[in-house]
Amino acid sequence: MSRRRLAVVLLGAAQVLVVFDTTAFAMALPWISARSHMSIDGLTWLITMYSVCFAALPVLAVALGEAFGQRRVLMGGLVLSSAAAAASAVSQDADVLLTSRAVQGVAAAAITAGAVALIESTHPEGRGRDRALSVHFVVVAAAGPAVVLPSTMLLNTVESGAAVFWAQAVVGVLLLLLVPVTLTESATGPEARSRLGRAAAAVLPLGLLAWFADWLGDHSVSPTTIIAVAAGGALTPSSLSWLGRRGQEPSLLTRLYRERAALGAYTVVALLAACLTGAGFVLTLALQMVGGLSPESVGWALLPAVAGLVLGWLTLPLLAARVGLAGTVAMACGVAAAGFVLLSREGTGYHLADVLPPLLLIAYGCGVLALPVSFARSGSGALPRALNSSRQLGAGLGASLFSGVVTVVVVGMPSSGFHSRKEYDAALAARFPECFELGIALALTAAAVALLTLPWQGLRTTAPDPGASAGAPAGTAGSPGSSGP
């Protein structure tokens, strides 16, 4: 195997480790609760701390990699990941667990941020790089549903969450040892260090945004409110950019209009990442709590989503080449929304036969997450590195928002008043559609953004010059110098 292929495999494994950490931790929550005597609120805080840190740091992590080397940032993330996993394995203290989850969020941001940049540094521009980027993005998108089964099988085998955390720590150390001999350090420059201040300034608002998503979920807003907020969010940037179309208005509006395609691409990716993360999280709980499946059976039930994502990865670029990116992405978002509609129907029992068709629809629609080259070739100005940051931000926001809604659903169920487990399950099943209605709103918002902002023409046959911003000024979201989402 060539060094370039080894680089793709190693970076894919590092991303799978991030997903495995999240999935295995969710599966180990009952064990953590029993060992540390934590309430549901305490367990929710463990999830929230991770997702807030993960969503807050993509801009700063990319900027640090541009200034000091993406390989160094990746190695730092692996060190933090292994240390935090070991802390979770040995400690029963709630404060230590909370701190370790925050550190894991920081580690996940560092590992995720530099992956695309390191692929670029190990692959010269051309079809080889395009293929490597496409493979990496589909591996990352499919890792979520793919690792549920091995996570549950490992938990069933060792019957201890501590062993799972130790396994994660050991794998992190092994990857750390392989990084220096496999990956080439990315280029750095003094001009990149001048952008660190702006990148650091983005941490607080992004963290607050993730926290607000969790707060919003905790307050269980109505579907009408969600749709109104989502529609407003979709229309506002496009309306502002339309006002700046003549270039005679304030410079911010003019810039928004000039960069609307790149901003639209990043928004679509973030929203679909939130949909995919939320769907996996909620279905994992619904299949166990309502469907009565064991954790391992849940892993088997979610595995077909990998096939849906791969199918989207294979077919959506061909469709985009014919009908254009806007129509293709909007169609895919509509397919994902249809999957959420099926899950939110009254009377859904959350058994394997109930969730398989909608899960495949959601996964196929979220195949858009594996199209970084298609976005670049569309002339939108959206670049793979920034699309990776957008996916990271969306996944963090999705975890915060959906976990908040789930918490309200579960905590809101009365502890008494049911004469049988069957009655309780029926009442719980009637509440889970609230979570999937949120998925409908997010997917339809992504479709609206795609139609309003993305190019309609077929894709170009060659990728744009990475040194050109394709209409986005240097240092903005659509430029190579950007570290933002």
Protein backbone atom coordinates (compact mmCIF):
# COMPACT_ATOMS: atom_id res chain seq x y z
CA MET A 1 0.00 0.00 0.00
CA SER A 2 1.38 3.43 -1.00
CA ARG A 3 2.04 6.14 1.55
CA ARG A 4 -0.82 8.23 0.16
CA ARG A 5 -3.30 5.42 0.65
CA LEU A 6 -1.94 4.80 4.13
CA ALA A 7 -2.55 8.48 4.88
CA VAL A 8 -6.20 8.18 3.79
CA VAL A 9 -6.64 5.03 5.88
CA LEU A 10 -4.99 6.57 8.95
CA LEU A 11 -7.01 9.77 8.78
CA GLY A 12 -10.19 7.78 8.26
CA ALA A 13 -9.33 5.65 11.29
CA ALA A 14 -8.74 8.77 13.38
CA GLN A 15 -12.18 10.10 12.41
CA VAL A 16 -13.79 6.74 13.15
CA LEU A 17 -12.14 6.89 16.60
CA VAL A 18 -13.91 10.21 17.21
CA VAL A 19 -17.26 8.71 16.22
CA PHE A 20 -16.56 5.56 18.24
CA ASP A 21 -15.91 7.69 21.32
CA THR A 22 -19.28 9.40 20.98
CA THR A 23 -21.19 6.20 20.22
CA ALA A 24 -19.52 3.99 22.81
CA PHE A 25 -20.00 6.68 25.44
CA ALA A 26 -23.72 6.90 24.66
CA MET A 27 -24.01 3.12 24.89
CA ALA A 28 -22.09 3.09 28.19
CA LEU A 29 -24.34 5.70 29.85
CA PRO A 30 -26.27 3.09 31.90
CA TRP A 31 -22.97 1.73 33.23
CA ILE A 32 -21.72 5.26 33.97
CA SER A 33 -24.98 6.11 35.73
CA ALA A 34 -24.80 3.00 37.92
CA ARG A 35 -21.13 3.52 38.79
CA SER A 36 -21.21 7.27 39.42
CA HIS A 37 -24.84 7.54 40.66
CA MET A 38 -25.58 10.31 38.16
CA SER A 39 -29.12 11.49 37.38
CA ILE A 40 -30.51 12.00 33.89
CA ASP A 41 -29.63 15.69 34.16
CA GLY A 42 -26.04 14.79 35.01
CA LEU A 43 -25.79 12.39 32.08
CA THR A 44 -27.22 15.07 29.81
CA TRP A 45 -24.52 17.48 30.95
CA LEU A 46 -21.87 14.95 29.91
CA ILE A 47 -23.29 14.96 26.39
CA THR A 48 -23.74 18.72 26.34
CA MET A 49 -20.16 19.49 27.42
CA TYR A 50 -18.77 17.33 24.64
CA SER A 51 -21.01 18.73 21.91
CA VAL A 52 -20.47 22.37 22.95
CA CYS A 53 -16.66 22.01 22.91
CA PHE A 54 -16.77 20.08 19.64
CA ALA A 55 -18.94 22.71 17.94
CA ALA A 56 -17.08 25.71 19.37
CA LEU A 57 -13.58 24.84 18.16
CA PRO A 58 -13.55 24.04 14.41
CA VAL A 59 -12.48 27.57 13.43
CA LEU A 60 -9.67 27.79 16.01
CA ALA A 61 -8.48 24.22 15.40
CA VAL A 62 -8.10 24.82 11.65
CA ALA A 63 -6.35 28.15 12.28
CA LEU A 64 -3.90 26.51 14.69
CA GLY A 65 -3.14 23.87 12.06
CA GLU A 66 -2.53 26.52 9.41
CA ALA A 67 -0.22 28.41 11.74
CA PHE A 68 1.74 25.54 13.34
CA GLY A 69 1.02 22.48 11.20
CA GLN A 70 -2.08 20.29 10.89
CA ARG A 71 -0.12 17.17 11.81
CA ARG A 72 0.91 18.68 15.14
CA VAL A 73 -2.72 19.60 15.87
CA LEU A 74 -3.83 16.07 14.98
CA MET A 75 -1.22 14.54 17.28
CA GLY A 76 -2.25 16.89 20.07
CA GLY A 77 -5.85 15.79 19.61
CA LEU A 78 -4.87 12.12 19.83
CA VAL A 79 -2.93 12.78 23.06
CA LEU A 80 -5.92 14.54 24.62
CA SER A 81 -8.30 11.84 23.42
CA SER A 82 -6.27 9.01 24.96
CA ALA A 83 -5.77 10.89 28.23
CA ALA A 84 -9.47 11.73 28.55
CA ALA A 85 -10.50 8.15 27.76
CA ALA A 86 -8.15 6.85 30.46
CA ALA A 87 -9.58 9.35 32.95
CA SER A 88 -13.13 8.15 32.18
CA ALA A 89 -12.00 4.56 32.72
CA VAL A 90 -10.42 5.02 36.15
CA SER A 91 -12.53 7.72 37.80
CA GLN A 92 -16.00 7.52 39.34
CA ASP A 93 -16.11 11.20 40.24
CA ALA A 94 -18.77 13.17 38.36
CA ASP A 95 -16.56 16.28 38.07
CA VAL A 96 -13.74 14.25 36.53
CA LEU A 97 -16.15 12.69 34.06
CA LEU A 98 -17.51 16.11 33.13
CA THR A 99 -14.00 17.48 32.60
CA SER A 100 -12.94 14.45 30.57
CA ARG A 101 -15.94 14.86 28.25
CA ALA A 102 -15.03 18.50 27.68
CA VAL A 103 -11.45 17.46 26.89
CA GLN A 104 -12.78 14.77 24.54
CA GLY A 105 -14.76 17.47 22.71
CA VAL A 106 -11.60 19.54 22.31
CA ALA A 107 -9.69 16.45 21.13
CA ALA A 108 -12.40 15.56 18.62
CA ALA A 109 -12.32 19.09 17.20
CA ALA A 110 -8.53 18.92 16.80
CA ILE A 111 -8.61 15.49 15.14
CA THR A 112 -11.42 16.43 12.78
CA ALA A 113 -10.15 19.84 11.78
CA GLY A 114 -6.86 18.84 10.17
CA ALA A 115 -7.95 15.71 8.31
CA VAL A 116 -8.80 17.35 4.99
CA ALA A 117 -5.74 19.62 5.12
CA LEU A 118 -3.49 16.61 5.68
CA ILE A 119 -5.06 14.80 2.72
CA GLU A 120 -4.28 17.86 0.64
CA SER A 121 -0.68 17.91 1.88
CA THR A 122 -0.12 14.23 1.01
CA HIS A 123 -1.93 14.26 -2.38
CA PRO A 124 -1.04 16.58 -5.28
CA GLU A 125 -3.89 18.40 -6.96
CA GLY A 126 -5.81 16.23 -9.41
CA ARG A 127 -8.02 13.17 -9.59
CA GLY A 128 -6.07 11.39 -6.86
CA ARG A 129 -6.78 14.14 -4.35
CA ASP A 130 -10.41 14.35 -5.43
CA ARG A 131 -10.83 10.61 -4.94
CA ALA A 132 -9.11 10.66 -1.54
CA LEU A 133 -11.31 13.54 -0.34
CA SER A 134 -14.47 11.81 -1.52
CA VAL A 135 -13.51 8.55 0.21
CA HIS A 136 -12.64 10.39 3.42
CA PHE A 137 -15.93 12.28 3.52
CA VAL A 138 -18.07 9.20 2.92
CA VAL A 139 -16.14 7.27 5.60
CA VAL A 140 -16.76 10.08 8.08
CA ALA A 141 -20.46 10.30 7.17
CA ALA A 142 -20.96 6.54 7.39
CA ALA A 143 -18.94 6.08 10.59
CA GLY A 144 -21.87 7.08 12.83
CA PRO A 145 -24.24 4.23 11.98
CA ALA A 146 -21.36 1.86 11.27
CA VAL A 147 -19.73 1.93 14.72
CA VAL A 148 -22.90 1.34 16.76
CA LEU A 149 -22.73 -2.41 16.22
CA PRO A 150 -19.04 -2.91 17.14
CA SER A 151 -19.50 -0.58 20.12
CA THR A 152 -22.38 -2.62 21.50
CA MET A 153 -20.66 -5.94 20.76
CA LEU A 154 -17.59 -4.75 22.67
CA LEU A 155 -19.73 -3.63 25.61
CA ASN A 156 -21.54 -6.98 25.66
CA THR A 157 -18.24 -8.88 25.50
CA VAL A 158 -16.36 -7.06 28.26
CA GLU A 159 -19.47 -6.09 30.28
CA SER A 160 -17.69 -2.99 31.52
CA GLY A 161 -17.57 0.55 30.24
CA ALA A 162 -14.05 0.93 31.62
CA ALA A 163 -12.70 -1.63 29.13
CA VAL A 164 -14.28 0.33 26.26
CA PHE A 165 -12.54 3.51 27.37
CA TRP A 166 -9.23 1.68 27.77
CA ALA A 167 -9.63 0.30 24.23
CA GLN A 168 -10.17 3.81 22.94
CA ALA A 169 -7.09 5.08 24.77
CA VAL A 170 -4.90 2.30 23.35
CA VAL A 171 -6.12 2.86 19.79
CA GLY A 172 -5.43 6.58 20.17
CA VAL A 173 -1.85 5.86 21.25
CA LEU A 174 -1.31 3.48 18.32
CA LEU A 175 -2.57 6.10 15.86
CA LEU A 176 -0.33 8.67 17.54
CA LEU A 177 2.72 6.49 16.87
CA LEU A 178 1.76 6.01 13.21
CA VAL A 179 1.12 9.68 12.41
CA PRO A 180 4.79 10.85 12.15
CA VAL A 181 5.78 8.02 9.79
CA THR A 182 2.66 8.20 7.60
CA LEU A 183 1.62 11.82 7.25
CA THR A 184 3.44 14.78 5.77
CA GLU A 185 3.21 18.02 7.71
CA SER A 186 1.04 20.65 6.06
CA ALA A 187 2.53 23.95 4.95
CA THR A 188 2.56 26.83 7.43
CA GLY A 189 3.15 30.53 7.05
CA PRO A 190 3.54 33.65 9.18
CA GLU A 191 0.39 35.15 7.64
CA ALA A 192 -1.63 32.29 9.12
CA ARG A 193 -0.60 33.27 12.64
CA SER A 194 -2.07 36.72 12.12
CA ARG A 195 -5.49 35.09 11.78
CA LEU A 196 -5.32 33.27 15.12
CA GLY A 197 -6.88 36.19 16.98
CA ARG A 198 -9.94 36.24 14.74
CA ALA A 199 -10.24 32.47 14.97
CA ALA A 200 -10.05 32.56 18.76
CA ALA A 201 -12.75 35.22 18.80
CA ALA A 202 -15.10 32.76 17.08
CA VAL A 203 -14.87 30.21 19.91
CA LEU A 204 -17.23 32.00 22.30
CA PRO A 205 -20.08 32.69 19.82
CA LEU A 206 -19.90 29.16 18.40
CA GLY A 207 -19.91 27.69 21.91
CA LEU A 208 -22.87 29.86 22.87
CA LEU A 209 -24.65 28.77 19.71
CA ALA A 210 -24.19 25.10 20.65
CA TRP A 211 -25.31 25.81 24.21
CA PHE A 212 -28.35 27.70 22.90
CA ALA A 213 -29.24 24.69 20.73
CA ASP A 214 -29.19 22.54 23.85
CA TRP A 215 -31.26 25.12 25.77
CA LEU A 216 -33.75 25.32 22.91
CA GLY A 217 -34.13 21.55 22.93
CA ASP A 218 -34.58 21.53 26.70
CA HIS A 219 -37.52 23.91 26.36
CA SER A 220 -39.21 21.66 23.81
CA VAL A 221 -40.35 24.36 21.43
CA SER A 222 -43.35 23.51 19.25
CA PRO A 223 -42.92 22.29 15.66
CA THR A 224 -44.55 25.51 14.44
CA THR A 225 -41.90 27.59 16.21
CA ILE A 226 -39.12 25.37 14.87
CA ILE A 227 -40.36 25.68 11.29
CA ALA A 228 -40.76 29.47 11.64
CA VAL A 229 -37.24 29.88 13.02
CA ALA A 230 -35.82 27.53 10.38
CA ALA A 231 -37.60 29.34 7.55
CA GLY A 232 -36.41 32.69 8.85
CA GLY A 233 -32.88 31.40 9.09
CA ALA A 234 -33.04 30.14 5.52
CA LEU A 235 -34.50 33.34 4.06
CA THR A 236 -32.55 35.99 5.99
CA PRO A 237 -29.06 35.51 4.46
CA SER A 238 -30.54 35.22 0.96
CA SER A 239 -32.68 38.32 1.48
CA LEU A 240 -29.73 40.32 2.75
CA SER A 241 -27.53 39.18 -0.12
CA TRP A 242 -30.31 40.06 -2.61
CA LEU A 243 -30.36 43.60 -1.22
CA GLY A 244 -26.64 43.84 -1.96
CA ARG A 245 -26.82 42.53 -5.53
CA ARG A 246 -26.01 45.92 -7.13
CA GLY A 247 -22.95 46.57 -5.03
CA GLN A 248 -24.19 50.02 -3.99
CA GLU A 249 -25.35 49.07 -0.51
CA PRO A 250 -23.16 48.57 2.60
CA SER A 251 -20.16 46.35 1.94
CA LEU A 252 -21.42 43.54 4.20
CA LEU A 253 -24.53 43.05 2.05
CA THR A 254 -22.49 43.18 -1.14
CA ARG A 255 -20.11 40.58 0.23
CA LEU A 256 -22.98 38.34 1.31
CA TYR A 257 -24.38 38.47 -2.20
CA ARG A 258 -21.00 37.69 -3.78
CA GLU A 259 -20.43 34.74 -1.44
CA ARG A 260 -24.00 33.46 -1.23
CA ALA A 261 -23.23 30.14 -2.97
CA ALA A 262 -20.34 29.30 -0.64
CA LEU A 263 -22.34 30.33 2.42
CA GLY A 264 -25.27 28.26 1.17
CA ALA A 265 -23.08 25.19 0.72
CA TYR A 266 -21.69 25.47 4.25
CA THR A 267 -25.20 25.98 5.67
CA VAL A 268 -26.61 22.94 3.86
CA VAL A 269 -23.76 20.71 5.08
CA ALA A 270 -24.17 21.93 8.68
CA LEU A 271 -27.93 21.33 8.64
CA LEU A 272 -27.67 17.84 7.16
CA ALA A 273 -24.91 16.92 9.61
CA ALA A 274 -27.27 17.95 12.41
CA CYS A 275 -30.02 15.79 10.83
CA LEU A 276 -27.80 12.71 10.57
CA THR A 277 -26.42 13.10 14.10
CA GLY A 278 -29.86 13.67 15.55
CA ALA A 279 -31.46 10.78 13.69
CA GLY A 280 -28.84 8.34 14.93
CA PHE A 281 -29.03 9.59 18.50
CA VAL A 282 -32.84 9.52 18.74
CA LEU A 283 -33.27 6.20 16.95
CA THR A 284 -30.72 4.59 19.26
CA LEU A 285 -32.89 5.54 22.23
CA ALA A 286 -36.28 4.94 20.59
CA LEU A 287 -35.37 1.44 19.40
CA GLN A 288 -34.29 0.50 22.91
CA MET A 289 -36.87 2.34 25.01
CA VAL A 290 -39.92 1.81 22.80
CA GLY A 291 -38.98 -0.96 20.40
CA GLY A 292 -37.49 -3.12 23.15
CA LEU A 293 -34.35 -3.96 21.14
CA SER A 294 -31.10 -4.79 22.83
CA PRO A 295 -28.14 -2.44 22.18
CA GLU A 296 -26.59 -4.99 19.83
CA SER A 297 -29.84 -5.32 17.90
CA VAL A 298 -29.92 -1.53 17.58
CA GLY A 299 -26.48 -1.74 16.00
CA TRP A 300 -27.77 -4.19 13.40
CA ALA A 301 -30.85 -2.01 12.82
CA LEU A 302 -28.76 1.12 12.09
CA LEU A 303 -26.23 -0.64 9.88
CA PRO A 304 -28.32 -0.31 6.64
CA ALA A 305 -27.84 3.46 6.93
CA VAL A 306 -24.26 2.90 5.75
CA ALA A 307 -25.61 1.46 2.50
CA GLY A 308 -27.89 4.49 2.10
CA LEU A 309 -25.02 6.93 2.56
CA VAL A 310 -22.77 5.05 0.13
CA LEU A 311 -25.59 4.95 -2.44
CA GLY A 312 -26.00 8.71 -2.11
CA TRP A 313 -22.24 9.16 -2.46
CA LEU A 314 -22.25 7.13 -5.68
CA THR A 315 -25.34 8.58 -7.38
CA LEU A 316 -25.66 12.20 -6.29
CA PRO A 317 -22.50 13.43 -8.10
CA LEU A 318 -23.75 11.88 -11.35
CA LEU A 319 -27.10 13.61 -10.90
CA ALA A 320 -25.45 16.93 -10.03
CA ALA A 321 -23.37 16.76 -13.21
CA ARG A 322 -26.58 16.61 -15.24
CA VAL A 323 -29.10 18.84 -13.47
CA GLY A 324 -26.89 21.08 -11.35
CA LEU A 325 -25.98 21.21 -7.68
CA ALA A 326 -28.98 23.22 -6.44
CA GLY A 327 -31.61 20.81 -7.75
CA THR A 328 -29.66 17.72 -6.71
CA VAL A 329 -29.00 18.90 -3.16
CA ALA A 330 -32.57 20.15 -2.70
CA MET A 331 -33.88 16.79 -3.91
CA ALA A 332 -31.61 14.92 -1.49
CA CYS A 333 -32.73 17.15 1.39
CA GLY A 334 -36.34 16.44 0.43
CA VAL A 335 -35.65 12.70 0.53
CA ALA A 336 -34.18 13.07 4.03
CA ALA A 337 -37.21 15.11 5.11
CA ALA A 338 -39.49 12.35 3.79
CA GLY A 339 -37.65 9.87 5.99
CA PHE A 340 -38.25 12.04 9.05
CA VAL A 341 -41.94 12.36 8.07
CA LEU A 342 -42.28 8.57 8.08
CA LEU A 343 -40.65 8.37 11.51
CA SER A 344 -42.95 11.05 12.93
CA ARG A 345 -46.19 9.35 11.85
CA GLU A 346 -48.69 8.50 14.57
CA GLY A 347 -48.52 4.86 15.57
CA THR A 348 -44.87 4.26 14.66
CA GLY A 349 -43.71 1.34 16.80
CA TYR A 350 -39.93 1.83 16.37
CA HIS A 351 -39.26 -1.76 15.48
CA LEU A 352 -36.81 -2.73 12.73
CA ALA A 353 -39.52 -2.92 10.05
CA ASP A 354 -40.79 0.54 11.09
CA VAL A 355 -37.46 2.36 10.95
CA LEU A 356 -35.65 0.68 8.04
CA PRO A 357 -37.33 2.48 5.09
CA PRO A 358 -37.18 5.98 6.65
CA LEU A 359 -33.62 5.39 7.87
CA LEU A 360 -32.52 4.54 4.33
CA LEU A 361 -34.20 7.72 3.02
CA ILE A 362 -32.49 9.90 5.63
CA ALA A 363 -29.12 8.26 4.97
CA TYR A 364 -29.45 8.67 1.20
CA GLY A 365 -30.31 12.35 1.55
CA CYS A 366 -27.39 12.90 3.90
CA GLY A 367 -25.12 11.45 1.20
CA VAL A 368 -24.70 15.14 0.32
CA LEU A 369 -22.15 15.21 3.18
CA ALA A 370 -19.82 13.11 0.99
CA LEU A 371 -19.72 15.57 -1.93
CA PRO A 372 -16.88 18.04 -1.21
CA VAL A 373 -15.50 17.78 -4.75
CA SER A 374 -18.93 18.36 -6.27
CA PHE A 375 -19.35 21.54 -4.22
CA ALA A 376 -15.91 22.74 -5.31
CA ARG A 377 -16.51 22.00 -9.01
CA SER A 378 -19.85 23.79 -8.95
CA GLY A 379 -18.07 27.13 -8.80
CA SER A 380 -19.76 27.94 -5.51
CA GLY A 381 -16.48 28.84 -3.84
CA ALA A 382 -17.08 26.23 -1.15
CA LEU A 383 -13.86 24.41 -0.29
CA PRO A 384 -13.50 20.91 1.20
CA ARG A 385 -11.62 22.14 4.28
CA ALA A 386 -14.34 24.61 5.20
CA LEU A 387 -17.05 22.06 4.37
CA ASN A 388 -15.37 19.75 6.87
CA SER A 389 -15.59 22.47 9.52
CA SER A 390 -19.25 23.04 8.66
CA ARG A 391 -20.01 19.35 9.06
CA GLN A 392 -18.24 19.41 12.42
CA LEU A 393 -20.21 22.44 13.60
CA GLY A 394 -23.50 20.93 12.42
CA ALA A 395 -22.83 17.61 14.15
CA GLY A 396 -22.13 19.42 17.43
CA LEU A 397 -25.25 21.54 17.14
CA GLY A 398 -27.34 18.51 16.22
CA ALA A 399 -26.11 16.56 19.24
CA SER A 400 -26.96 19.49 21.53
CA LEU A 401 -30.38 20.18 20.04
CA PHE A 402 -31.64 16.61 19.75
CA SER A 403 -30.30 15.55 23.14
CA GLY A 404 -32.16 18.49 24.68
CA VAL A 405 -35.41 17.48 23.01
CA VAL A 406 -34.96 13.84 24.04
CA THR A 407 -34.29 14.87 27.63
CA VAL A 408 -37.55 16.82 27.72
CA VAL A 409 -39.41 13.88 26.23
CA VAL A 410 -38.06 11.34 28.73
CA VAL A 411 -38.10 13.55 31.83
CA GLY A 412 -41.56 14.83 30.95
CA MET A 413 -43.03 11.35 31.20
CA PRO A 414 -44.75 10.86 34.57
CA SER A 415 -43.15 8.21 36.75
CA SER A 416 -46.55 6.88 37.79
CA GLY A 417 -50.00 6.61 36.31
CA PHE A 418 -49.32 3.70 33.95
CA HIS A 419 -50.72 0.27 34.75
CA SER A 420 -48.26 -1.61 32.56
CA ARG A 421 -45.00 -1.29 30.68
CA LYS A 422 -47.00 -1.47 27.46
CA GLU A 423 -48.94 1.67 28.38
CA TYR A 424 -45.72 3.49 29.24
CA ASP A 425 -44.10 2.49 25.93
CA ALA A 426 -47.17 3.63 24.01
CA ALA A 427 -47.10 7.03 25.73
CA LEU A 428 -43.38 7.39 25.09
CA ALA A 429 -43.80 6.44 21.43
CA ALA A 430 -46.35 9.23 21.10
CA ARG A 431 -43.75 11.77 22.29
CA PHE A 432 -40.76 10.76 20.14
CA PRO A 433 -42.27 12.27 16.96
CA GLU A 434 -41.43 15.68 18.46
CA CYS A 435 -37.77 14.86 17.84
CA PHE A 436 -38.32 13.78 14.26
CA GLU A 437 -40.43 16.85 13.47
CA LEU A 438 -37.28 18.81 14.25
CA GLY A 439 -35.48 16.73 11.62
CA ILE A 440 -38.18 17.60 9.08
CA ALA A 441 -37.68 21.31 9.74
CA LEU A 442 -33.89 21.11 9.44
CA ALA A 443 -33.98 19.06 6.21
CA LEU A 444 -36.54 21.35 4.56
CA THR A 445 -34.51 24.38 5.61
CA ALA A 446 -31.46 22.84 3.93
CA ALA A 447 -33.52 22.29 0.77
CA ALA A 448 -34.66 25.93 0.78
CA VAL A 449 -31.09 27.18 1.26
CA ALA A 450 -29.90 24.97 -1.62
CA LEU A 451 -32.56 26.30 -3.99
CA LEU A 452 -31.90 29.92 -3.03
CA THR A 453 -28.10 29.93 -3.10
CA LEU A 454 -26.44 27.04 -4.94
CA PRO A 455 -25.60 27.04 -8.70
CA TRP A 456 -28.13 25.46 -11.05
CA GLN A 457 -25.80 24.64 -13.93
CA GLY A 458 -24.12 21.25 -14.29
CA LEU A 459 -20.76 20.73 -12.64
CA ARG A 460 -17.52 21.78 -14.26
CA THR A 461 -15.34 18.99 -15.54
CA THR A 462 -12.31 20.17 -13.60
CA ALA A 463 -11.91 21.40 -10.07
CA PRO A 464 -11.15 25.09 -9.49
CA ASP A 465 -7.68 26.26 -8.68
CA PRO A 466 -7.23 25.85 -4.89
CA GLY A 467 -5.30 29.10 -4.92
CA ALA A 468 -8.30 31.05 -6.14
CA SER A 469 -11.24 31.98 -3.97
CA ALA A 470 -13.88 31.61 -6.73
CA GLY A 471 -15.47 34.90 -5.86
CA ALA A 472 -14.82 34.86 -2.13
CA PRO A 473 -12.24 37.36 -0.85
CA ALA A 474 -9.25 35.97 0.98
CA GLY A 475 -9.89 35.36 4.62
CA THR A 476 -13.63 34.87 4.15
CA ALA A 477 -15.68 31.71 4.45
CA GLY A 478 -15.21 30.78 0.82
CA SER A 479 -11.48 31.39 0.52
CA PRO A 480 -8.55 29.02 0.99
CA GLY A 481 -7.29 31.19 3.78
CA SER A 482 -10.46 30.75 5.74
CA SER A 483 -10.59 28.71 8.87
CA GLY A 484 -14.25 29.29 9.42
CA PRO A 485 -17.20 27.10 8.59
